[in-house]
């Protein structure tokens, strides 16, 4: 099994997605950020609106449109805390340049 990181995507009112991922990408106010297993700890403010992509070994790539919030990365995983998070089609997110 490849290295993975524990990812949690949480909106104000609910946990949206939780599991093991091989990569997480998110647009922050500082630009697009990719997180792989072993990434250095950081805290970033999410761009509003933005797309968060989660790549998994079992579910493929998932995409969510998020509004507001933060991305926290630790030595073992990443947590996305967003005001809102709605699933979007990965192909549509790619076509839109996100």
N, C-alpha and C. Protein backbone atom coordinates (compact mmCIF):
# COMPACT_ATOMS: atom_id res chain seq x y z
N UNK A 1 0.84 -1.18 0.00
CA UNK A 1 0.00 0.00 0.00
C UNK A 1 0.89 1.25 0.00
N UNK A 2 0.55 2.19 -0.84
CA UNK A 2 1.32 3.43 -0.93
C UNK A 2 1.13 4.26 0.33
N UNK A 3 2.04 5.19 0.53
CA UNK A 3 1.89 6.10 1.67
C UNK A 3 0.63 6.91 1.50
N UNK A 4 -0.09 7.08 2.59
CA UNK A 4 -1.31 7.88 2.56
C UNK A 4 -1.31 8.84 3.74
N UNK A 5 -2.22 9.79 3.66
CA UNK A 5 -2.41 10.70 4.77
C UNK A 5 -3.88 10.68 5.14
N UNK A 6 -4.16 10.91 6.39
CA UNK A 6 -5.54 10.95 6.87
C UNK A 6 -6.10 12.33 6.54
N UNK A 7 -7.21 12.37 5.81
CA UNK A 7 -7.81 13.64 5.40
C UNK A 7 -9.23 13.72 5.96
N UNK A 8 -9.55 14.88 6.50
CA UNK A 8 -10.91 15.16 6.93
C UNK A 8 -11.35 16.46 6.29
N UNK A 9 -12.52 16.44 5.66
CA UNK A 9 -13.13 17.63 5.09
C UNK A 9 -14.39 17.89 5.91
N UNK A 10 -14.40 19.02 6.62
CA UNK A 10 -15.48 19.32 7.55
C UNK A 10 -16.08 20.67 7.20
N UNK A 11 -17.41 20.70 7.05
CA UNK A 11 -18.13 21.96 6.88
C UNK A 11 -18.71 22.34 8.24
N UNK A 12 -19.25 23.52 8.34
CA UNK A 12 -19.75 24.02 9.62
C UNK A 12 -20.73 23.04 10.28
N UNK A 13 -21.60 22.46 9.49
CA UNK A 13 -22.66 21.64 10.09
C UNK A 13 -22.45 20.13 9.99
N UNK A 14 -21.39 19.68 9.29
CA UNK A 14 -21.23 18.24 9.13
C UNK A 14 -19.83 17.85 8.66
N UNK A 15 -19.47 16.59 8.93
CA UNK A 15 -18.25 16.02 8.36
C UNK A 15 -18.62 15.59 6.95
N UNK A 16 -17.94 16.12 5.94
CA UNK A 16 -18.27 15.87 4.55
C UNK A 16 -17.59 14.61 4.03
N UNK A 17 -16.30 14.46 4.34
CA UNK A 17 -15.55 13.30 3.89
C UNK A 17 -14.40 13.06 4.84
N UNK A 18 -14.10 11.78 5.06
CA UNK A 18 -12.98 11.41 5.92
C UNK A 18 -12.41 10.10 5.41
N UNK A 19 -11.10 10.01 5.34
CA UNK A 19 -10.48 8.76 4.92
C UNK A 19 -9.02 8.94 4.58
N UNK A 20 -8.45 7.91 3.95
CA UNK A 20 -7.06 7.92 3.55
C UNK A 20 -6.94 8.42 2.12
N UNK A 21 -5.97 9.31 1.89
CA UNK A 21 -5.77 9.88 0.56
C UNK A 21 -4.29 9.82 0.20
N UNK A 22 -4.03 9.78 -1.10
CA UNK A 22 -2.65 9.82 -1.57
C UNK A 22 -2.20 11.25 -1.83
N UNK A 23 -3.17 12.16 -2.04
CA UNK A 23 -2.84 13.56 -2.29
C UNK A 23 -4.07 14.43 -2.04
N UNK A 24 -3.82 15.64 -1.60
CA UNK A 24 -4.86 16.65 -1.40
C UNK A 24 -4.38 17.92 -2.06
N UNK A 25 -5.25 18.56 -2.84
CA UNK A 25 -4.91 19.88 -3.38
C UNK A 25 -6.00 20.85 -2.98
N UNK A 26 -5.60 22.08 -2.72
CA UNK A 26 -6.55 23.12 -2.32
C UNK A 26 -6.02 24.47 -2.77
N UNK A 27 -6.92 25.36 -3.09
CA UNK A 27 -6.54 26.73 -3.43
C UNK A 27 -6.63 27.56 -2.17
N UNK A 28 -5.49 28.13 -1.80
CA UNK A 28 -5.45 29.01 -0.63
C UNK A 28 -5.29 30.45 -1.11
N UNK A 29 -5.32 31.37 -0.18
CA UNK A 29 -5.12 32.77 -0.53
C UNK A 29 -3.71 33.03 -1.05
N UNK A 30 -2.80 32.09 -0.81
CA UNK A 30 -1.41 32.20 -1.28
C UNK A 30 -1.19 31.47 -2.59
N UNK A 31 -2.21 30.72 -3.08
CA UNK A 31 -2.09 29.97 -4.33
C UNK A 31 -2.48 28.52 -4.14
N UNK A 32 -2.34 27.76 -5.23
CA UNK A 32 -2.68 26.32 -5.23
C UNK A 32 -1.64 25.56 -4.41
N UNK A 33 -2.11 24.65 -3.58
CA UNK A 33 -1.23 23.91 -2.68
C UNK A 33 -1.51 22.42 -2.81
N UNK A 34 -0.46 21.65 -3.00
CA UNK A 34 -0.58 20.19 -3.03
C UNK A 34 0.02 19.59 -1.77
N UNK A 35 -0.69 18.64 -1.18
CA UNK A 35 -0.22 18.02 0.06
C UNK A 35 -0.08 16.52 -0.19
N UNK A 36 1.13 16.01 0.02
CA UNK A 36 1.42 14.59 -0.08
C UNK A 36 1.75 14.06 1.32
N UNK A 37 1.74 12.74 1.51
CA UNK A 37 2.14 12.19 2.81
C UNK A 37 3.52 12.70 3.21
N UNK A 38 3.67 13.10 4.47
CA UNK A 38 4.93 13.59 4.97
C UNK A 38 5.14 15.09 4.77
N UNK A 39 4.12 15.79 4.28
CA UNK A 39 4.23 17.24 4.06
C UNK A 39 4.52 17.96 5.37
N UNK A 40 5.25 19.04 5.29
CA UNK A 40 5.55 19.84 6.49
C UNK A 40 4.27 20.44 7.05
N UNK A 41 4.16 20.58 8.35
CA UNK A 41 2.97 21.19 8.96
C UNK A 41 2.77 22.63 8.47
N UNK A 42 1.51 23.00 8.28
CA UNK A 42 1.19 24.36 7.88
C UNK A 42 -0.27 24.66 8.18
N UNK A 43 -0.59 25.94 8.15
CA UNK A 43 -1.96 26.40 8.29
C UNK A 43 -2.18 27.44 7.20
N UNK A 44 -3.21 27.24 6.37
CA UNK A 44 -3.49 28.17 5.29
C UNK A 44 -4.95 28.54 5.24
N UNK A 45 -5.22 29.75 4.76
CA UNK A 45 -6.60 30.21 4.59
C UNK A 45 -7.05 29.82 3.19
N UNK A 46 -8.23 29.19 3.08
CA UNK A 46 -8.75 28.76 1.79
C UNK A 46 -9.24 29.96 0.99
N UNK A 47 -9.04 29.90 -0.34
CA UNK A 47 -9.59 30.91 -1.23
C UNK A 47 -11.11 30.76 -1.23
N UNK A 48 -11.81 31.84 -1.47
CA UNK A 48 -13.27 31.83 -1.38
C UNK A 48 -13.87 32.38 -2.67
N UNK A 49 -14.49 31.56 -3.50
CA UNK A 49 -14.65 30.10 -3.38
C UNK A 49 -13.41 29.39 -3.93
N UNK A 50 -13.33 28.11 -3.66
CA UNK A 50 -12.22 27.32 -4.14
C UNK A 50 -12.62 25.86 -4.30
N UNK A 51 -11.74 25.10 -4.90
CA UNK A 51 -11.95 23.67 -5.10
C UNK A 51 -10.92 22.90 -4.28
N UNK A 52 -11.38 21.91 -3.56
CA UNK A 52 -10.50 20.98 -2.85
C UNK A 52 -10.60 19.64 -3.56
N UNK A 53 -9.46 19.07 -3.91
CA UNK A 53 -9.43 17.76 -4.57
C UNK A 53 -8.75 16.75 -3.65
N UNK A 54 -9.34 15.59 -3.59
CA UNK A 54 -8.81 14.51 -2.75
C UNK A 54 -8.60 13.30 -3.66
N UNK A 55 -7.35 12.82 -3.75
CA UNK A 55 -7.06 11.62 -4.54
C UNK A 55 -6.93 10.44 -3.60
N UNK A 56 -7.69 9.39 -3.90
CA UNK A 56 -7.65 8.19 -3.07
C UNK A 56 -7.32 6.97 -3.92
N UNK A 57 -6.89 5.92 -3.28
CA UNK A 57 -6.60 4.68 -3.99
C UNK A 57 -7.89 3.94 -4.34
N UNK A 58 -8.94 4.09 -3.54
CA UNK A 58 -10.16 3.31 -3.75
C UNK A 58 -11.28 4.07 -4.46
N UNK A 59 -11.39 5.38 -4.22
CA UNK A 59 -12.49 6.15 -4.80
C UNK A 59 -12.07 7.03 -5.98
N UNK A 60 -10.79 6.99 -6.33
CA UNK A 60 -10.31 7.86 -7.40
C UNK A 60 -10.16 9.29 -6.89
N UNK A 61 -10.50 10.26 -7.73
CA UNK A 61 -10.38 11.65 -7.35
C UNK A 61 -11.75 12.24 -7.03
N UNK A 62 -11.82 12.92 -5.90
CA UNK A 62 -13.04 13.59 -5.45
C UNK A 62 -12.79 15.09 -5.47
N UNK A 63 -13.84 15.86 -5.77
CA UNK A 63 -13.68 17.32 -5.77
C UNK A 63 -14.86 17.95 -5.03
N UNK A 64 -14.55 19.01 -4.29
CA UNK A 64 -15.56 19.73 -3.52
C UNK A 64 -15.34 21.23 -3.70
N UNK A 65 -16.42 21.96 -3.92
CA UNK A 65 -16.33 23.41 -3.90
C UNK A 65 -16.50 23.85 -2.46
N UNK A 66 -15.55 24.65 -1.98
CA UNK A 66 -15.60 25.12 -0.60
C UNK A 66 -15.68 26.64 -0.59
N UNK A 67 -16.28 27.15 0.44
CA UNK A 67 -16.36 28.59 0.65
C UNK A 67 -15.82 28.89 2.03
N UNK A 68 -14.79 29.73 2.07
CA UNK A 68 -14.21 30.13 3.35
C UNK A 68 -13.58 28.98 4.09
N UNK A 69 -12.78 29.30 5.06
CA UNK A 69 -12.23 28.28 5.94
C UNK A 69 -10.72 28.19 5.88
N UNK A 70 -10.22 27.08 6.43
CA UNK A 70 -8.78 26.89 6.60
C UNK A 70 -8.37 25.48 6.24
N UNK A 71 -7.09 25.32 5.93
CA UNK A 71 -6.46 24.04 5.69
C UNK A 71 -5.37 23.88 6.74
N UNK A 72 -5.42 22.79 7.49
CA UNK A 72 -4.40 22.50 8.50
C UNK A 72 -3.72 21.19 8.13
N UNK A 73 -2.39 21.23 8.05
CA UNK A 73 -1.61 20.04 7.73
C UNK A 73 -0.70 19.72 8.91
N UNK A 74 -0.73 18.45 9.33
CA UNK A 74 0.16 17.97 10.39
C UNK A 74 1.05 16.89 9.80
N UNK A 75 1.88 16.30 10.61
CA UNK A 75 2.76 15.24 10.14
C UNK A 75 2.03 14.00 9.66
N UNK A 76 0.80 13.80 10.08
CA UNK A 76 0.08 12.58 9.72
C UNK A 76 -1.13 12.80 8.82
N UNK A 77 -1.53 14.05 8.61
CA UNK A 77 -2.71 14.24 7.79
C UNK A 77 -3.06 15.70 7.58
N UNK A 78 -4.25 15.89 7.01
CA UNK A 78 -4.72 17.24 6.70
C UNK A 78 -6.20 17.35 7.04
N UNK A 79 -6.58 18.52 7.53
CA UNK A 79 -7.98 18.81 7.82
C UNK A 79 -8.37 20.08 7.08
N UNK A 80 -9.48 20.00 6.37
CA UNK A 80 -10.05 21.17 5.70
C UNK A 80 -11.28 21.56 6.50
N UNK A 81 -11.26 22.77 7.04
CA UNK A 81 -12.39 23.30 7.80
C UNK A 81 -13.00 24.41 6.96
N UNK A 82 -14.16 24.15 6.37
CA UNK A 82 -14.79 25.10 5.46
C UNK A 82 -16.14 25.55 5.99
N UNK A 83 -16.55 26.74 5.57
CA UNK A 83 -17.90 27.20 5.92
C UNK A 83 -18.93 26.33 5.23
N UNK A 84 -18.73 26.08 3.92
CA UNK A 84 -19.59 25.16 3.17
C UNK A 84 -18.71 24.29 2.28
N UNK A 85 -19.19 23.10 1.95
CA UNK A 85 -18.48 22.19 1.05
C UNK A 85 -19.51 21.36 0.30
N UNK A 86 -19.49 21.47 -1.02
CA UNK A 86 -20.42 20.73 -1.87
C UNK A 86 -19.65 19.93 -2.90
N UNK A 87 -20.03 18.66 -3.12
CA UNK A 87 -19.35 17.86 -4.14
C UNK A 87 -19.56 18.48 -5.53
N UNK A 88 -18.51 18.42 -6.35
CA UNK A 88 -18.60 18.87 -7.74
C UNK A 88 -17.99 17.79 -8.63
N UNK A 89 -18.36 17.82 -9.89
CA UNK A 89 -17.84 16.88 -10.87
C UNK A 89 -16.37 17.20 -11.13
N UNK A 90 -15.52 16.20 -11.05
CA UNK A 90 -14.08 16.40 -11.23
C UNK A 90 -13.78 16.96 -12.61
N UNK A 91 -14.44 16.44 -13.65
CA UNK A 91 -14.19 16.91 -15.02
C UNK A 91 -14.60 18.38 -15.17
N UNK A 92 -15.71 18.76 -14.55
CA UNK A 92 -16.16 20.15 -14.63
C UNK A 92 -15.19 21.07 -13.90
N UNK A 93 -14.69 20.62 -12.76
CA UNK A 93 -13.72 21.42 -12.01
C UNK A 93 -12.44 21.60 -12.80
N UNK A 94 -12.01 20.55 -13.52
CA UNK A 94 -10.82 20.62 -14.34
C UNK A 94 -11.03 21.58 -15.51
N UNK A 95 -12.18 21.48 -16.16
CA UNK A 95 -12.48 22.36 -17.30
C UNK A 95 -12.54 23.81 -16.89
N UNK A 96 -12.97 24.07 -15.67
CA UNK A 96 -13.07 25.45 -15.17
C UNK A 96 -11.71 25.99 -14.73
N UNK A 97 -10.69 25.14 -14.78
CA UNK A 97 -9.34 25.59 -14.43
C UNK A 97 -9.04 25.55 -12.95
N UNK A 98 -9.77 24.77 -12.19
CA UNK A 98 -9.55 24.69 -10.73
C UNK A 98 -8.72 23.47 -10.41
